[in-house]
Amino acid sequence: MSLSLLGAEVVYRASEKATAPLLPREFRGAWIATVNNIDWPSKPGLPVITQKKELSELIDTAARLKLNCLIFQVRPACDTLYPSKLEPWSEYLTGKMGKAPSPIWDPLSYAISESHRRGLELHAWFNPYRARYKGAKGAPSSSHISRTQPALVKNYNGFQWLDPAEPAAANHSLKVIMDVVSRYDVDGIHIDDYFYPYPDSKRTPFPDELSWKKSNTKMSRKDWRRMHINNFIQRLYNEIHKVKPHIKFGISPFGIWRPGYPKQIKGLDAYDELYADARLWLREGWLDYCAPQLYWKINDKDQSYPVLMQWWHEQNPKGRHLWPGNNSAKVDPWPASEIIKQIELTRNHRGASGNIHWNVSALTKNRNNLGTQLITRTYTQPALVPSSKWLDGRPPGAPAVFAKWDKTRGMIQINWRTTETGPVRWWLFQVKADNRWISKLMPGNQRMALLRPGNSFPEMISLTALDMAGNTSKPTALTKK
C-alpha cells in the first residue's frame, strides 16, 4: 500500500521480521471507594452532571498515571451504584437510600465505558455482608433488606450485618453479584476484607445465636462460621466462571492470616476473628487474584511488608495472581518514597506481579507528590495486566492491518480486522515515529485509528490483539519502505 504526503510516496508493507517493544506485565490498580463518599462522589446528592464530571476526572487521572485497572465499589452496604431490581439506590449517590438519580443514569455502565475507552480494566467491588454502614445518615428504604428480610440482618457495633450463616443471606448476596456479572461488561468481580465484622473494643460476640441453634452442628462455633464463608467464596468463584469464564474474581483479605505466620508477625487474627481463611482460598484456587492488604511499612518488624508478601507467595501453589494492596492513603504522614519502595520490592519478587493502591484519591490528589513520583519514576511506561492462563491459555490470532492516506483529513487511516472467532478485549496499538515508540491500549470493538504525521511518516505501525484472559497474539507490523 502506498501513501503520499506533499508529493512524497511512502509504501507500507507487512513485515514478519519487524517487532515492536514488549510492554511490561504489571497490575496497577486503585480502589474507588463510594462508602461514606471516601473517593466518589465527593458528597451525596450532587447534580448528575457533577457526578459524571468527578468520575470522569478520576478515570482520566488514573489513565494519565498509567494505571491499568480501577476497582469500583458498587455495593457498599446492600445498596447499589447502578440500577437494580434487587437492592435500592445508595444514599451515597443521591442523598437518600432508594432515591434514583435524576436524570436517571448508570454509574457502573459509565465507569466501564470510560475506563475501557482509556485502556483500563474495571472491576466491580462488592461488600457481601455489610448491610448498613456506621455513619449512615437517613432511614433505610422500604426495599432495603433490613426492611424486607429483617431476620437476616444483625446489629453489631453500630453497623448492620447480614448473618453469613443464614442461607437466604448468602443466596441474596450471590444473586446480587451474579446480576452484575450477567448484565455488565466488567473485567473482574472484587470483594474486600469484610466477612464477619471486625470485633468491637469489648470483643462482643456476633449475635448469631438463632442460626447457631438452628444448625444443630457438632462443629465448633468458629469452624462453623468459617465454613459458611468458605462455602460462599467457592460458590461465588464457580458461579462467576460458569456464566463468564473470562471474568477475574479477586479478594483483598486482611494482610495477616494469623499472628505468628510467619513467626515475627503480630496483629489481628483474621482466621479467628473475621472467620476468613484466605490461605485456604488461595491454596484451593477459589480466586484469580489475591490482594492481601499489606498496609504497613517495609521496616515494621511486626507487620513487615516484604515478609508478609513472601508468606502469601508461599501459600500460592496454583500460581494465582498476587497483587498486594498498598496503604497509599497513609502518605503524609508517610513519605511517598515508602510506597515507591514497596512497588519496587513487589517488582523484584518472583511471586507477585502488581499492586493495588488504597485509595485512588491519594494518587489523584497527588498526596505528598505521590502521583508525580509514580509517573516520573515508577509508572513511566504503560503496562499490560498479567494474563490469567488458567482461565484461557490459547493466544488469539494476529490481526489483519491496512493503512491508507486520508487526503481530506490529512491523516493516515489504519483499519484492521480480527482473525479470531472469540472476542478481542484490547488492541495494543504501537507506533514508531522520530525513532520513538508510543503505545496505546484500545477497546476490542475499535477497528480504526487515525494518525497525523509530523515532518515524516511513522517508521512502523504495529497492532497486537489481546483476548479476555490477557493472552496476546503475534503482532502485525507495517514498516515504511
Protein backbone atom coordinates (compact mmCIF):
# COMPACT_ATOMS: atom_id res chain seq x y z
CA MET A 1 0.00 0.00 0.00
CA SER A 2 1.35 3.46 -0.82
CA LEU A 3 0.66 6.80 0.86
CA SER A 4 1.71 10.24 -0.28
CA LEU A 5 2.35 13.46 1.59
CA LEU A 6 3.42 16.69 -0.16
CA GLY A 7 4.34 14.73 -3.23
CA ALA A 8 6.39 12.11 -1.37
CA GLU A 9 5.43 8.49 -1.96
CA VAL A 10 5.59 6.15 1.02
CA VAL A 11 4.93 2.42 0.92
CA TYR A 12 3.91 0.37 3.98
CA ARG A 13 4.26 -3.36 3.88
CA ALA A 14 3.57 -6.06 6.44
CA SER A 15 6.82 -7.36 7.84
CA GLU A 16 7.22 -10.60 9.77
CA LYS A 17 10.68 -9.61 10.96
CA ALA A 18 9.74 -6.21 12.39
CA THR A 19 8.90 -6.15 16.08
CA ALA A 20 7.53 -3.58 18.49
CA PRO A 21 8.86 -3.37 22.06
CA LEU A 22 7.13 -5.63 24.58
CA LEU A 23 5.26 -3.82 27.33
CA PRO A 24 5.82 -4.99 30.90
CA ARG A 25 3.19 -7.17 32.57
CA GLU A 26 2.22 -5.50 35.83
CA PHE A 27 -1.10 -4.96 37.57
CA ARG A 28 -1.53 -1.30 38.54
CA GLY A 29 -4.83 -0.91 40.32
CA ALA A 30 -6.58 1.52 42.66
CA TRP A 31 -9.75 1.27 44.71
CA ILE A 32 -12.55 3.81 44.18
CA ALA A 33 -14.47 3.76 47.47
CA THR A 34 -18.05 5.07 47.48
CA VAL A 35 -18.96 4.19 51.09
CA ASN A 36 -19.19 7.38 53.14
CA ASN A 37 -18.17 9.21 49.93
CA ILE A 38 -14.50 8.40 50.52
CA ASP A 39 -13.46 8.77 46.85
CA TRP A 40 -16.59 9.37 44.81
CA PRO A 41 -18.93 11.16 44.60
CA SER A 42 -17.42 13.93 46.73
CA LYS A 43 -20.73 14.26 48.56
CA PRO A 44 -24.25 12.81 48.23
CA GLY A 45 -26.94 14.42 46.12
CA LEU A 46 -24.75 16.28 43.64
CA PRO A 47 -26.26 17.11 40.23
CA VAL A 48 -25.79 14.23 37.78
CA ILE A 49 -23.58 16.37 35.54
CA THR A 50 -21.22 16.94 38.50
CA GLN A 51 -21.23 13.26 39.45
CA LYS A 52 -20.24 12.31 35.91
CA LYS A 53 -17.57 15.02 35.76
CA GLU A 54 -15.98 13.86 39.02
CA LEU A 55 -15.98 10.21 37.95
CA SER A 56 -14.59 11.03 34.51
CA GLU A 57 -11.79 13.10 36.09
CA LEU A 58 -10.86 10.22 38.42
CA ILE A 59 -10.63 7.83 35.48
CA ASP A 60 -8.73 10.40 33.39
CA THR A 61 -6.14 10.88 36.10
CA ALA A 62 -5.79 7.13 36.63
CA ALA A 63 -5.10 6.72 32.91
CA ARG A 64 -2.61 9.60 32.93
CA LEU A 65 -0.77 7.93 35.83
CA LYS A 66 -0.59 4.77 33.67
CA LEU A 67 -2.70 2.62 35.95
CA ASN A 68 -4.46 -0.23 34.15
CA CYS A 69 -7.35 -1.11 36.47
CA LEU A 70 -9.90 0.60 38.70
CA ILE A 71 -11.79 -1.32 41.39
CA PHE A 72 -15.13 0.47 41.75
CA GLN A 73 -17.27 -0.05 44.86
CA VAL A 74 -20.78 -0.62 43.54
CA ARG A 75 -22.43 -2.21 46.59
CA PRO A 76 -21.21 -0.62 49.82
CA ALA A 77 -23.98 -1.82 52.17
CA CYS A 78 -26.76 -3.78 50.43
CA ASP A 79 -27.34 -0.71 48.25
CA THR A 80 -26.21 -0.01 44.72
CA LEU A 81 -24.40 2.44 42.47
CA TYR A 82 -26.27 1.05 39.45
CA PRO A 83 -29.96 0.39 38.64
CA SER A 84 -31.04 -2.83 40.32
CA LYS A 85 -34.31 -4.67 40.87
CA LEU A 86 -32.77 -6.45 43.85
CA GLU A 87 -31.49 -3.60 46.02
CA PRO A 88 -32.09 0.16 46.44
CA TRP A 89 -30.04 3.04 45.09
CA SER A 90 -27.30 4.10 47.51
CA GLU A 91 -27.67 7.15 49.72
CA TYR A 92 -24.02 7.95 48.92
CA LEU A 93 -25.12 8.76 45.37
CA THR A 94 -28.40 10.64 45.75
CA GLY A 95 -28.50 11.53 49.46
CA LYS A 96 -31.46 9.25 50.19
CA MET A 97 -31.45 5.48 50.01
CA GLY A 98 -33.80 4.22 47.30
CA LYS A 99 -33.95 7.58 45.51
CA ALA A 100 -32.92 7.27 41.86
CA PRO A 101 -30.65 9.91 40.32
CA SER A 102 -32.45 12.47 38.19
CA PRO A 103 -31.99 12.43 35.31
CA ILE A 104 -31.51 8.68 35.59
CA TRP A 105 -28.05 7.35 34.76
CA ASP A 106 -25.97 4.25 35.44
CA PRO A 107 -22.63 4.98 37.18
CA LEU A 108 -21.36 1.41 36.74
CA SER A 109 -22.04 1.35 33.00
CA TYR A 110 -20.48 4.81 32.67
CA ALA A 111 -17.38 3.77 34.64
CA ILE A 112 -16.93 0.68 32.45
CA SER A 113 -17.19 2.57 29.15
CA GLU A 114 -14.99 5.47 30.32
CA SER A 115 -12.35 3.09 31.70
CA HIS A 116 -12.30 0.89 28.60
CA ARG A 117 -12.07 3.94 26.36
CA ARG A 118 -8.86 4.87 28.17
CA GLY A 119 -7.37 1.36 28.26
CA LEU A 120 -8.22 0.50 31.88
CA GLU A 121 -9.94 -2.59 33.23
CA LEU A 122 -12.92 -2.04 35.53
CA HIS A 123 -13.61 -4.44 38.41
CA ALA A 124 -16.92 -4.21 40.29
CA TRP A 125 -16.35 -4.26 44.06
CA PHE A 126 -18.99 -5.67 46.42
CA ASN A 127 -19.37 -5.94 50.18
CA PRO A 128 -21.19 -9.27 50.52
CA TYR A 129 -22.29 -8.99 54.16
CA ARG A 130 -22.34 -5.35 55.31
CA ALA A 131 -25.97 -4.19 55.32
CA ARG A 132 -25.63 -0.69 56.77
CA TYR A 133 -22.60 1.49 57.43
CA LYS A 134 -21.97 3.00 60.85
CA GLY A 135 -22.14 6.54 59.51
CA ALA A 136 -25.38 6.07 57.57
CA LYS A 137 -27.46 9.25 57.68
CA GLY A 138 -31.04 8.60 56.59
CA ALA A 139 -33.52 5.82 57.15
CA PRO A 140 -33.30 2.62 55.10
CA SER A 141 -35.64 2.47 52.13
CA SER A 142 -38.61 0.11 52.08
CA SER A 143 -36.74 -2.11 49.58
CA HIS A 144 -33.61 -2.47 51.76
CA ILE A 145 -33.00 -5.97 53.11
CA SER A 146 -33.25 -4.71 56.69
CA ARG A 147 -36.91 -3.96 55.90
CA THR A 148 -37.75 -6.78 53.50
CA GLN A 149 -36.00 -9.62 55.39
CA PRO A 150 -35.16 -8.25 58.86
CA ALA A 151 -34.46 -11.70 60.31
CA LEU A 152 -31.30 -11.90 58.14
CA VAL A 153 -29.85 -8.65 59.49
CA LYS A 154 -27.97 -8.27 62.79
CA ASN A 155 -26.89 -5.12 64.63
CA TYR A 156 -23.25 -5.01 65.64
CA ASN A 157 -21.10 -2.11 66.84
CA GLY A 158 -23.28 0.49 65.13
CA PHE A 159 -23.35 -1.44 61.82
CA GLN A 160 -25.97 -3.72 60.35
CA TRP A 161 -24.67 -7.04 59.06
CA LEU A 162 -26.09 -9.93 57.11
CA ASP A 163 -25.71 -13.16 59.06
CA PRO A 164 -23.34 -15.27 56.90
CA ALA A 165 -24.79 -18.46 58.45
CA GLU A 166 -28.26 -17.74 57.08
CA PRO A 167 -28.59 -19.46 53.67
CA ALA A 168 -31.05 -16.80 52.49
CA ALA A 169 -28.50 -14.07 53.21
CA ALA A 170 -25.74 -15.82 51.25
CA ASN A 171 -28.15 -16.55 48.41
CA HIS A 172 -29.23 -12.92 48.27
CA SER A 173 -25.66 -11.58 48.03
CA LEU A 174 -24.77 -14.20 45.43
CA LYS A 175 -27.82 -13.23 43.37
CA VAL A 176 -26.89 -9.53 43.54
CA ILE A 177 -23.33 -10.17 42.37
CA MET A 178 -24.38 -12.55 39.61
CA ASP A 179 -26.89 -9.99 38.35
CA VAL A 180 -23.96 -7.65 37.66
CA VAL A 181 -21.89 -10.47 36.12
CA SER A 182 -24.75 -11.20 33.71
CA ARG A 183 -25.66 -7.61 32.79
CA TYR A 184 -22.36 -5.73 32.70
CA ASP A 185 -19.11 -5.97 30.75
CA VAL A 186 -16.89 -5.93 33.84
CA ASP A 187 -13.36 -7.33 33.76
CA GLY A 188 -13.44 -8.51 37.36
CA ILE A 189 -15.53 -9.07 40.47
CA HIS A 190 -13.91 -7.99 43.72
CA ILE A 191 -14.66 -8.41 47.42
CA ASP A 192 -12.61 -6.96 50.25
CA ASP A 193 -11.81 -7.88 53.87
CA TYR A 194 -15.28 -7.62 55.43
CA PHE A 195 -16.62 -11.09 56.21
CA TYR A 196 -17.80 -11.34 59.79
CA PRO A 197 -17.39 -7.82 61.22
CA TYR A 198 -14.20 -6.62 62.85
CA PRO A 199 -14.62 -7.07 66.62
CA ASP A 200 -15.55 -4.06 68.74
CA SER A 201 -13.39 -2.86 71.63
CA LYS A 202 -15.16 -5.21 74.08
CA ARG A 203 -14.82 -8.23 71.76
CA THR A 204 -18.61 -8.57 71.81
CA PRO A 205 -19.69 -11.85 70.13
CA PHE A 206 -21.50 -11.59 66.82
CA PRO A 207 -25.25 -12.08 67.50
CA ASP A 208 -25.88 -15.27 65.51
CA GLU A 209 -27.43 -17.33 68.30
CA LEU A 210 -30.56 -18.16 66.29
CA SER A 211 -28.71 -19.53 63.24
CA TRP A 212 -26.26 -21.36 65.54
CA LYS A 213 -29.07 -23.15 67.39
CA LYS A 214 -30.84 -23.99 64.13
CA SER A 215 -27.70 -25.62 62.73
CA ASN A 216 -27.58 -28.37 65.36
CA THR A 217 -23.98 -28.97 64.35
CA LYS A 218 -21.17 -30.71 66.22
CA MET A 219 -18.61 -28.27 64.78
CA SER A 220 -17.06 -25.59 66.94
CA ARG A 221 -18.69 -22.18 66.60
CA LYS A 222 -15.56 -20.77 64.92
CA ASP A 223 -15.24 -23.63 62.41
CA TRP A 224 -18.95 -23.35 61.68
CA ARG A 225 -18.62 -19.63 60.90
CA ARG A 226 -15.58 -20.20 58.71
CA MET A 227 -17.42 -22.97 56.85
CA HIS A 228 -20.14 -20.52 55.75
CA ILE A 229 -17.60 -18.01 54.46
CA ASN A 230 -15.62 -20.74 52.68
CA ASN A 231 -18.77 -22.10 51.03
CA PHE A 232 -19.74 -18.63 49.82
CA ILE A 233 -16.29 -17.96 48.31
CA GLN A 234 -16.24 -21.30 46.50
CA ARG A 235 -19.80 -20.88 45.20
CA LEU A 236 -19.13 -17.36 44.01
CA TYR A 237 -15.95 -18.37 42.16
CA ASN A 238 -17.72 -21.25 40.42
CA GLU A 239 -20.86 -19.29 39.54
CA ILE A 240 -18.94 -16.37 38.04
CA HIS A 241 -16.94 -18.67 35.77
CA LYS A 242 -19.97 -20.67 34.71
CA VAL A 243 -21.58 -17.51 33.33
CA LYS A 244 -18.48 -15.66 32.09
CA PRO A 245 -15.29 -17.76 32.26
CA HIS A 246 -13.02 -14.81 31.49
CA ILE A 247 -14.03 -12.60 34.44
CA LYS A 248 -11.38 -12.44 37.16
CA PHE A 249 -12.54 -12.95 40.73
CA GLY A 250 -10.37 -11.18 43.28
CA ILE A 251 -10.29 -10.87 47.05
CA SER A 252 -8.35 -8.39 49.19
CA PRO A 253 -8.23 -10.03 52.63
CA PHE A 254 -6.74 -8.52 55.77
CA GLY A 255 -2.96 -8.68 55.29
CA ILE A 256 -2.30 -11.05 58.22
CA TRP A 257 -3.81 -14.53 58.01
CA ARG A 258 -2.90 -15.32 61.61
CA PRO A 259 -0.39 -13.84 64.07
CA GLY A 260 2.79 -15.92 64.01
CA TYR A 261 2.51 -16.67 60.27
CA PRO A 262 5.36 -16.10 59.68
CA LYS A 263 6.83 -16.18 63.16
CA GLN A 264 7.62 -12.47 63.67
CA ILE A 265 4.15 -11.24 62.63
CA LYS A 266 1.75 -9.77 65.18
CA GLY A 267 -1.73 -8.30 64.78
CA LEU A 268 -5.38 -9.16 64.34
CA ASP A 269 -6.25 -12.82 63.77
CA ALA A 270 -8.41 -12.71 60.63
CA TYR A 271 -8.83 -16.50 60.74
CA ASP A 272 -10.34 -16.46 64.24
CA GLU A 273 -12.00 -13.03 64.36
CA LEU A 274 -13.24 -12.37 60.82
CA TYR A 275 -13.56 -16.13 60.14
CA ALA A 276 -11.70 -15.56 56.89
CA ASP A 277 -9.46 -18.46 55.87
CA ALA A 278 -7.82 -16.63 52.97
CA ARG A 279 -4.93 -19.10 52.93
CA LEU A 280 -7.41 -21.88 52.10
CA TRP A 281 -8.98 -19.87 49.26
CA LEU A 282 -5.58 -19.20 47.75
CA ARG A 283 -4.39 -22.79 48.12
CA GLU A 284 -7.59 -24.15 46.57
CA GLY A 285 -7.57 -21.63 43.72
CA TRP A 286 -11.01 -20.20 44.58
CA LEU A 287 -9.87 -16.80 43.31
CA ASP A 288 -7.99 -15.45 40.33
CA TYR A 289 -6.09 -12.80 42.24
CA CYS A 290 -5.28 -12.28 45.88
CA ALA A 291 -4.62 -8.72 47.07
CA PRO A 292 -3.72 -9.00 50.76
CA GLN A 293 -3.92 -5.60 52.39
CA LEU A 294 -0.27 -5.11 53.33
CA TYR A 295 -0.93 -1.72 54.85
CA TRP A 296 2.29 -1.47 56.89
CA LYS A 297 5.78 -0.13 56.31
CA ILE A 298 8.71 -2.13 54.98
CA ASN A 299 10.63 -1.80 58.26
CA ASP A 300 7.72 -2.54 60.62
CA LYS A 301 9.05 -5.78 62.10
CA ASP A 302 5.67 -6.91 63.49
CA GLN A 303 3.89 -6.39 60.14
CA SER A 304 6.72 -6.13 57.61
CA TYR A 305 5.57 -5.56 54.02
CA PRO A 306 8.20 -7.79 52.32
CA VAL A 307 7.98 -10.53 54.98
CA LEU A 308 4.19 -10.76 54.61
CA MET A 309 4.41 -10.65 50.79
CA GLN A 310 6.81 -13.60 50.86
CA TRP A 311 4.48 -15.53 53.19
CA TRP A 312 1.46 -15.03 50.92
CA HIS A 313 3.55 -16.14 47.94
CA GLU A 314 4.39 -19.38 49.75
CA GLN A 315 0.66 -20.14 50.19
CA ASN A 316 0.01 -19.99 46.43
CA PRO A 317 0.64 -23.46 44.93
CA LYS A 318 -1.73 -22.85 41.99
CA GLY A 319 0.09 -19.70 40.92
CA ARG A 320 -2.81 -17.28 41.13
CA HIS A 321 -2.01 -13.58 40.77
CA LEU A 322 -0.59 -11.98 43.91
CA TRP A 323 -1.19 -8.22 43.84
CA PRO A 324 -0.58 -6.72 47.30
CA GLY A 325 -2.62 -3.75 48.45
CA ASN A 326 -0.60 -0.69 49.48
CA ASN A 327 -1.63 1.94 52.03
CA SER A 328 -1.11 4.93 49.74
CA ALA A 329 -3.69 6.86 51.79
CA LYS A 330 -1.14 6.87 54.64
CA VAL A 331 1.19 9.07 52.59
CA ASP A 332 1.51 12.26 54.62
CA PRO A 333 2.46 11.36 57.37
CA TRP A 334 4.31 8.59 55.45
CA PRO A 335 6.76 9.78 52.80
CA ALA A 336 5.72 8.94 49.25
CA SER A 337 9.03 7.09 48.93
CA GLU A 338 7.63 4.33 51.20
CA ILE A 339 5.03 3.39 48.57
CA ILE A 340 7.53 3.74 45.72
CA LYS A 341 9.92 1.35 47.50
CA GLN A 342 7.10 -1.12 48.19
CA ILE A 343 6.29 -1.23 44.48
CA GLU A 344 9.97 -1.82 43.72
CA LEU A 345 10.02 -4.70 46.22
CA THR A 346 6.93 -6.17 44.54
CA ARG A 347 8.57 -5.92 41.12
CA ASN A 348 11.64 -7.73 42.37
CA HIS A 349 9.61 -10.57 43.90
CA ARG A 350 9.10 -13.52 41.57
CA GLY A 351 5.75 -14.42 43.18
CA ALA A 352 4.00 -11.03 42.84
CA SER A 353 3.11 -9.13 39.68
CA GLY A 354 1.49 -5.85 40.67
CA ASN A 355 -0.05 -3.63 43.31
CA ILE A 356 -3.37 -2.01 44.23
CA HIS A 357 -3.45 1.43 45.83
CA TRP A 358 -5.73 2.20 48.73
CA ASN A 359 -7.12 4.56 47.66
CA VAL A 360 -7.43 6.35 44.34
CA SER A 361 -7.72 9.80 45.97
CA ALA A 362 -4.19 9.52 47.35
CA LEU A 363 -2.99 9.38 43.73
CA THR A 364 -5.42 11.79 42.06
CA LYS A 365 -4.88 14.41 44.79
CA ASN A 366 -1.12 13.85 44.45
CA ARG A 367 -0.68 13.49 48.19
CA ASN A 368 2.90 14.38 49.13
CA ASN A 369 3.69 14.25 45.38
CA LEU A 370 2.93 10.52 45.25
CA GLY A 371 1.23 10.79 41.85
CA THR A 372 4.14 12.82 40.46
CA GLN A 373 6.69 10.30 41.74
CA LEU A 374 4.72 7.41 40.25
CA ILE A 375 4.52 8.92 36.79
CA THR A 376 8.12 10.21 36.70
CA ARG A 377 9.89 7.30 38.42
CA THR A 378 7.75 4.18 38.66
CA TYR A 379 4.99 4.09 36.04
CA THR A 380 6.98 5.72 33.26
CA GLN A 381 5.58 3.49 30.52
CA PRO A 382 2.28 1.65 30.11
CA ALA A 383 1.91 -1.93 31.37
CA LEU A 384 -0.40 -4.78 30.43
CA VAL A 385 -2.42 -6.63 33.06
CA PRO A 386 -0.81 -10.07 33.59
CA SER A 387 -2.60 -12.85 31.72
CA SER A 388 -4.72 -15.46 33.54
CA LYS A 389 -3.77 -18.59 31.63
CA TRP A 390 -5.83 -20.90 33.87
CA LEU A 391 -8.93 -19.13 32.53
CA ASP A 392 -7.81 -19.45 28.89
CA GLY A 393 -4.31 -20.33 27.71
CA ARG A 394 -4.79 -20.06 23.94
CA PRO A 395 -3.43 -16.85 22.36
CA PRO A 396 -5.57 -15.09 19.74
CA GLY A 397 -4.65 -14.90 16.08
CA ALA A 398 -2.74 -11.93 14.69
CA PRO A 399 -4.98 -9.19 13.21
CA ALA A 400 -5.01 -8.13 9.56
CA VAL A 401 -3.94 -4.46 9.32
CA PHE A 402 -4.30 -1.93 6.46
CA ALA A 403 -3.19 1.70 6.06
CA LYS A 404 -4.31 4.41 3.67
CA TRP A 405 -3.88 8.15 3.30
CA ASP A 406 -6.95 10.26 4.09
CA LYS A 407 -6.47 13.39 1.96
CA THR A 408 -9.45 15.19 3.45
CA ARG A 409 -8.21 14.89 7.00
CA GLY A 410 -4.51 14.92 6.15
CA MET A 411 -4.05 11.82 8.26
CA ILE A 412 -3.10 8.16 7.96
CA GLN A 413 -6.11 5.91 8.44
CA ILE A 414 -5.33 2.48 9.88
CA ASN A 415 -8.01 -0.19 9.69
CA TRP A 416 -7.86 -3.72 10.99
CA ARG A 417 -9.94 -6.81 11.39
CA THR A 418 -9.69 -9.71 13.73
CA THR A 419 -8.89 -13.23 12.60
CA GLU A 420 -10.40 -14.53 15.86
CA THR A 421 -13.69 -16.31 16.43
CA GLY A 422 -13.66 -15.34 20.12
CA PRO A 423 -13.91 -11.76 21.38
CA VAL A 424 -10.91 -9.46 21.43
CA ARG A 425 -10.75 -7.40 24.65
CA TRP A 426 -7.99 -4.97 23.69
CA TRP A 427 -5.83 -3.86 20.82
CA LEU A 428 -2.28 -2.83 21.63
CA PHE A 429 -1.58 -0.07 19.10
CA GLN A 430 2.09 0.91 18.80
CA VAL A 431 3.71 3.48 16.55
CA LYS A 432 7.39 4.27 16.00
CA ALA A 433 7.91 7.85 14.86
CA ASP A 434 11.05 10.01 15.03
CA ASN A 435 12.80 6.96 16.49
CA ARG A 436 10.42 6.92 19.48
CA TRP A 437 7.72 4.39 20.39
CA ILE A 438 4.23 5.32 21.56
CA SER A 439 1.94 2.55 22.89
CA LYS A 440 -1.79 2.76 23.49
CA LEU A 441 -4.41 0.22 24.54
CA MET A 442 -7.70 0.45 22.62
CA PRO A 443 -11.00 -1.32 23.35
CA GLY A 444 -11.71 -4.52 21.42
CA ASN A 445 -14.68 -3.12 19.50
CA GLN A 446 -12.49 -0.48 17.86
CA ARG A 447 -11.44 -1.16 14.25
CA MET A 448 -9.85 2.07 13.08
CA ALA A 449 -7.34 4.72 14.16
CA LEU A 450 -6.11 7.97 12.63
CA LEU A 451 -2.52 9.18 12.75
CA ARG A 452 -1.42 12.70 11.93
CA PRO A 453 2.18 12.53 10.66
CA GLY A 454 4.60 15.22 11.72
CA ASN A 455 7.51 16.07 9.48
CA SER A 456 7.67 12.46 8.30
CA PHE A 457 5.61 9.30 8.22
CA PRO A 458 5.91 6.77 11.09
CA GLU A 459 8.65 4.22 10.60
CA MET A 460 6.48 1.37 11.92
CA ILE A 461 2.85 0.71 12.88
CA SER A 462 2.15 -2.38 14.98
CA LEU A 463 -1.07 -3.95 16.28
CA THR A 464 -1.48 -6.82 18.74
CA ALA A 465 -4.73 -8.49 19.83
CA LEU A 466 -5.38 -9.32 23.50
CA ASP A 467 -8.14 -11.74 24.46
CA MET A 468 -10.36 -11.65 27.54
CA ALA A 469 -7.81 -13.57 29.64
CA GLY A 470 -4.97 -11.22 28.65
CA ASN A 471 -3.23 -13.52 26.14
CA THR A 472 -1.55 -11.69 23.24
CA SER A 473 -1.43 -12.51 19.55
CA LYS A 474 1.67 -12.19 17.45
CA PRO A 475 1.92 -8.51 16.45
CA THR A 476 1.15 -7.46 12.92
CA ALA A 477 3.67 -4.80 11.93
CA LEU A 478 3.65 -2.44 8.93
CA THR A 479 7.02 -0.93 8.06
CA LYS A 480 7.82 2.09 5.90
CA LYS A 481 9.72 1.38 2.72
